[in-house]
Protein backbone atom coordinates (compact mmCIF):
# COMPACT_ATOMS: atom_id res chain seq x y z
CA UNK A 1 90.24 125.46 172.71
CA UNK A 2 91.58 123.92 168.92
CA UNK A 3 93.65 121.18 171.17
CA UNK A 4 92.61 120.46 173.87
CA UNK A 5 89.20 119.09 171.15
CA UNK A 6 91.64 117.25 169.35
CA UNK A 7 93.12 115.26 172.41
CA UNK A 8 89.23 114.72 173.74
CA UNK A 9 87.86 112.83 170.15
CA UNK A 10 91.32 110.89 171.12
CA UNK A 11 90.98 109.73 174.37
CA UNK A 12 86.85 109.36 173.79
CA UNK A 13 86.04 107.99 169.74
CA UNK A 14 83.73 105.94 171.31
CA UNK A 15 81.73 108.75 172.91
CA UNK A 16 81.57 111.56 171.39
CA UNK A 17 80.65 109.28 167.96
CA UNK A 18 77.51 108.21 169.86
CA UNK A 19 76.83 111.86 170.98
CA UNK A 20 77.84 112.53 167.53
CA UNK A 21 74.43 109.87 165.94
CA UNK A 22 71.85 110.76 169.06
CA UNK A 23 71.95 114.44 168.37
CA UNK A 24 71.65 113.30 164.57
CA UNK A 25 68.63 111.26 165.35
CA UNK A 26 67.62 113.64 167.58
CA UNK A 27 67.27 116.11 164.65
CA UNK A 28 64.84 113.54 162.40
CA UNK A 29 63.17 112.56 164.81
CA UNK A 30 62.29 116.19 164.94
CA UNK A 31 62.22 117.13 161.32
CA UNK A 32 59.58 114.03 160.53
CA UNK A 33 57.71 115.20 163.36
CA UNK A 34 56.80 118.74 162.12
CA UNK A 35 56.21 117.25 158.15
CA UNK A 36 53.42 114.81 160.19
CA UNK A 37 51.39 117.76 161.34
CA UNK A 38 52.12 119.29 158.29
CA UNK A 39 50.73 116.58 156.52
CA UNK A 40 47.59 115.85 159.29
CA UNK A 41 47.02 119.84 158.59
CA UNK A 42 46.49 119.65 155.04
CA UNK A 43 45.22 116.58 154.94
CA UNK A 44 41.88 117.94 156.72
CA UNK A 45 39.63 118.61 153.85
CA UNK A 46 36.81 121.36 155.39
CA UNK A 47 33.39 120.00 154.58
CA UNK A 48 31.93 122.55 151.55
CA UNK A 49 28.00 122.96 152.39
CA UNK A 50 26.60 124.70 149.15
CA UNK A 51 24.31 128.16 149.74
CA UNK A 52 20.67 127.18 149.99
CA UNK A 53 17.82 127.70 148.37
CA UNK A 54 14.79 129.39 149.60
CA UNK A 55 12.84 126.09 149.32
CA UNK A 56 15.71 124.45 151.22
CA UNK A 57 15.88 127.06 153.66
CA UNK A 58 12.61 125.86 154.60
CA UNK A 59 13.08 122.63 155.40
CA UNK A 60 16.14 123.07 158.25
CA UNK A 61 19.88 123.46 158.25
CA UNK A 62 21.65 121.42 156.31
CA UNK A 63 23.87 118.67 157.35
CA UNK A 64 27.60 118.95 157.75
CA UNK A 65 29.81 116.58 156.81
CA UNK A 66 32.73 115.42 158.03
CA UNK A 67 35.06 114.37 154.74
CA UNK A 68 38.75 113.88 157.32
CA UNK A 69 37.63 110.34 155.87
CA UNK A 70 35.61 109.49 153.13
CA UNK A 71 31.81 108.62 153.82
CA UNK A 72 29.36 107.00 152.12
CA UNK A 73 25.86 108.16 151.44
CA UNK A 74 22.56 106.79 149.82
CA UNK A 75 20.61 109.56 147.21
CA UNK A 76 18.00 109.66 145.33
CA UNK A 77 17.78 111.31 141.92
CA UNK A 78 13.46 111.97 141.47
CA UNK A 79 12.62 112.90 138.28
CA UNK A 80 9.60 114.54 137.68
CA UNK A 81 8.02 114.54 134.10
CA UNK A 82 5.57 116.87 132.25
CA UNK A 83 3.33 113.75 132.49
CA UNK A 84 3.38 113.72 136.11
CA UNK A 85 5.43 111.17 136.28
CA UNK A 86 7.44 110.41 138.63
CA UNK A 87 10.87 108.09 138.39
CA UNK A 88 13.39 107.76 140.97
CA UNK A 89 17.19 106.44 140.96
CA UNK A 90 18.88 105.53 144.14
CA UNK A 91 23.16 106.31 143.76
CA UNK A 92 25.03 105.02 146.30
CA UNK A 93 27.57 107.40 146.35
CA UNK A 94 31.17 108.02 148.58
CA UNK A 95 31.96 111.26 149.60
CA UNK A 96 36.02 112.25 149.81
CA UNK A 97 35.49 115.73 148.67
CA UNK A 98 32.15 117.63 149.51
CA UNK A 99 33.31 120.44 146.74
CA UNK A 100 32.83 117.74 144.08
CA UNK A 101 30.19 116.10 145.63
CA UNK A 102 27.40 119.75 145.47
CA UNK A 103 28.91 120.73 142.28
CA UNK A 104 28.19 116.24 140.76
CA UNK A 105 24.59 117.45 141.33
CA UNK A 106 24.56 121.27 140.41
CA UNK A 107 21.50 120.93 138.70
CA UNK A 108 19.22 119.20 140.84
CA UNK A 109 17.17 120.61 143.66
CA UNK A 110 17.83 119.56 147.14
CA UNK A 111 14.57 118.19 149.08
CA UNK A 112 16.34 116.23 152.34
CA UNK A 113 19.45 115.18 153.65
CA UNK A 114 20.64 113.79 156.66
CA UNK A 115 23.46 111.64 157.73
CA UNK A 116 22.88 109.42 156.07
CA UNK A 117 20.63 110.34 152.14
CA UNK A 118 20.34 113.01 150.30
CA UNK A 119 17.42 113.32 148.17
CA UNK A 120 17.29 115.23 145.51
CA UNK A 121 15.00 116.29 142.43
CA UNK A 122 14.86 117.63 138.87
CA UNK A 123 12.14 118.79 136.39
CA UNK A 124 12.02 117.36 132.88
CA UNK A 125 10.62 119.13 129.99
CA UNK A 126 9.58 115.57 128.45
CA UNK A 127 7.66 113.79 129.29
CA UNK A 128 8.07 109.61 130.82
CA UNK A 129 9.94 106.82 128.89
CA UNK A 130 6.85 104.99 129.92
CA UNK A 131 4.79 107.02 127.86
CA UNK A 132 7.11 106.79 124.52
CA UNK A 133 7.27 103.13 125.45
CA UNK A 134 3.45 102.24 126.31
CA UNK A 135 1.29 105.57 126.33
CA UNK A 136 -1.99 105.73 125.04
CA UNK A 137 -4.29 108.32 124.75
CA UNK A 138 -7.61 107.49 125.32
CA UNK A 139 -11.49 108.07 126.61
CA UNK A 140 -13.34 107.34 129.41
CA UNK A 141 -17.08 106.46 129.85
CA UNK A 142 -18.14 109.59 131.65
CA UNK A 143 -15.48 111.23 128.36
CA UNK A 144 -12.23 112.37 130.27
CA UNK A 145 -9.42 112.10 127.45
CA UNK A 146 -7.43 110.34 129.21
CA UNK A 147 -3.57 108.75 128.91
CA UNK A 148 -3.08 104.81 130.08
CA UNK A 149 -0.54 102.32 130.35
CA UNK A 150 -1.17 100.04 127.46
CA UNK A 151 -4.92 100.38 125.54
CA UNK A 152 -7.99 102.32 126.90
CA UNK A 153 -8.83 98.56 127.28
CA UNK A 154 -6.61 97.83 129.87
CA UNK A 155 -8.13 100.58 132.27
CA UNK A 156 -4.26 100.95 133.43
CA UNK A 157 -5.01 105.06 133.42
CA UNK A 158 -1.81 107.05 134.20
CA UNK A 159 -3.06 110.68 133.26
CA UNK A 160 -6.28 112.53 133.14
CA UNK A 161 -7.46 116.45 131.45
CA UNK A 162 -10.52 117.15 130.39
CA UNK A 163 -13.84 116.23 129.99
CA UNK A 164 -14.96 116.01 125.96
CA UNK A 165 -18.57 116.83 123.79
CA UNK A 166 -18.34 113.43 122.33
CA UNK A 167 -21.18 113.97 120.27
CA UNK A 168 -19.03 117.29 118.45
CA UNK A 169 -16.43 114.63 117.53
CA UNK A 170 -15.97 113.30 114.27
CA UNK A 171 -16.77 109.32 113.98
CA UNK A 172 -13.43 108.35 112.95
CA UNK A 173 -12.37 110.63 115.99
CA UNK A 174 -13.99 108.50 118.28
CA UNK A 175 -12.82 105.00 116.66
CA UNK A 176 -9.14 106.35 117.24
CA UNK A 177 -9.71 107.34 121.47
CA UNK A 178 -11.44 104.52 121.57
CA UNK A 179 -8.25 101.63 120.16
CA UNK A 180 -5.51 104.46 121.79
CA UNK A 181 -3.62 107.21 120.45
CA UNK A 182 0.06 106.13 121.01
CA UNK A 183 2.15 109.04 122.20
CA UNK A 184 5.82 107.96 121.53
CA UNK A 185 6.87 111.66 121.92
CA UNK A 186 6.71 115.13 123.58
CA UNK A 187 5.19 116.73 120.22
CA UNK A 188 2.62 113.86 119.79
CA UNK A 189 1.92 114.38 123.06
CA UNK A 190 1.05 118.31 122.66
CA UNK A 191 -0.12 117.61 119.53
CA UNK A 192 -3.34 115.81 120.45
CA UNK A 193 -3.97 117.25 123.23
CA UNK A 194 -4.33 120.68 121.64
CA UNK A 195 -6.58 118.42 118.92
CA UNK A 196 -8.91 117.69 121.41
CA UNK A 197 -9.44 120.79 123.16
CA UNK A 198 -11.30 122.86 121.23
CA UNK A 199 -13.75 120.12 121.97
CA UNK A 200 -13.23 120.13 125.37
CA UNK A 201 -16.72 120.94 127.19
CA UNK A 202 -17.13 124.33 128.81
CA UNK A 203 -17.31 124.79 132.58
CA UNK A 204 -20.63 126.07 133.73
C-alpha cells in the first residue's frame, strides 16, 4: 500500500496538492464557525432585574431591557428634602449591563419605568439648597410661621408650619420674623422651629 501512495503522488502531484489544501481550508472554516458560535453565545448579556420592593410591586411588572445591544434611557432622579422641596435631575444613560445599572442606583427607590425612562426617588436628610441659599423664616399676617424664598416682604412662600400666638412674642422676636430670619443650615432650621414651637397656638 505504501508503494502505491508514492506512485500516486508522483503521477498526480497537483491533484493531491489541491485536495490537501481544500481539506485544510474546510477544517479552518469549521473551527472558525464553532468559535463564532461560542462568541455569540457569550456576547449575550442576560438582563438583570432588581428584586422589587413593596412599593415597586404596586407599580406593576418591571420592564426587561435587552442588553444585547447598548440601550439608551432617560433617568429621572427626584430628591425630596426635609422642607418638602423636590429637585429633579435628568440623566441620559447608555446601558451596557443591567446588573451595573441597578448597582449604580442601588441607593435610590424605583418609582416608575418604561422602555425609555426610569424614575428614581431619594429622601434627603437635609434641607434643600434653595433654603440654604435664599430661605428666610417669617410670619404671615394671620400669624403663621412660614419659610419664604427671599425676604418675607417678597411673599414667596415655600413652607408653612403653625400659627403663633404673637401676643406672647417679645418685641425683638416679632421684628426678626417680620424682617426675616435666614435659614442657612439644617441646624438653624431645626433651632428656629424649636424656639417658636413653644409659642404655637393650641388647637381647640
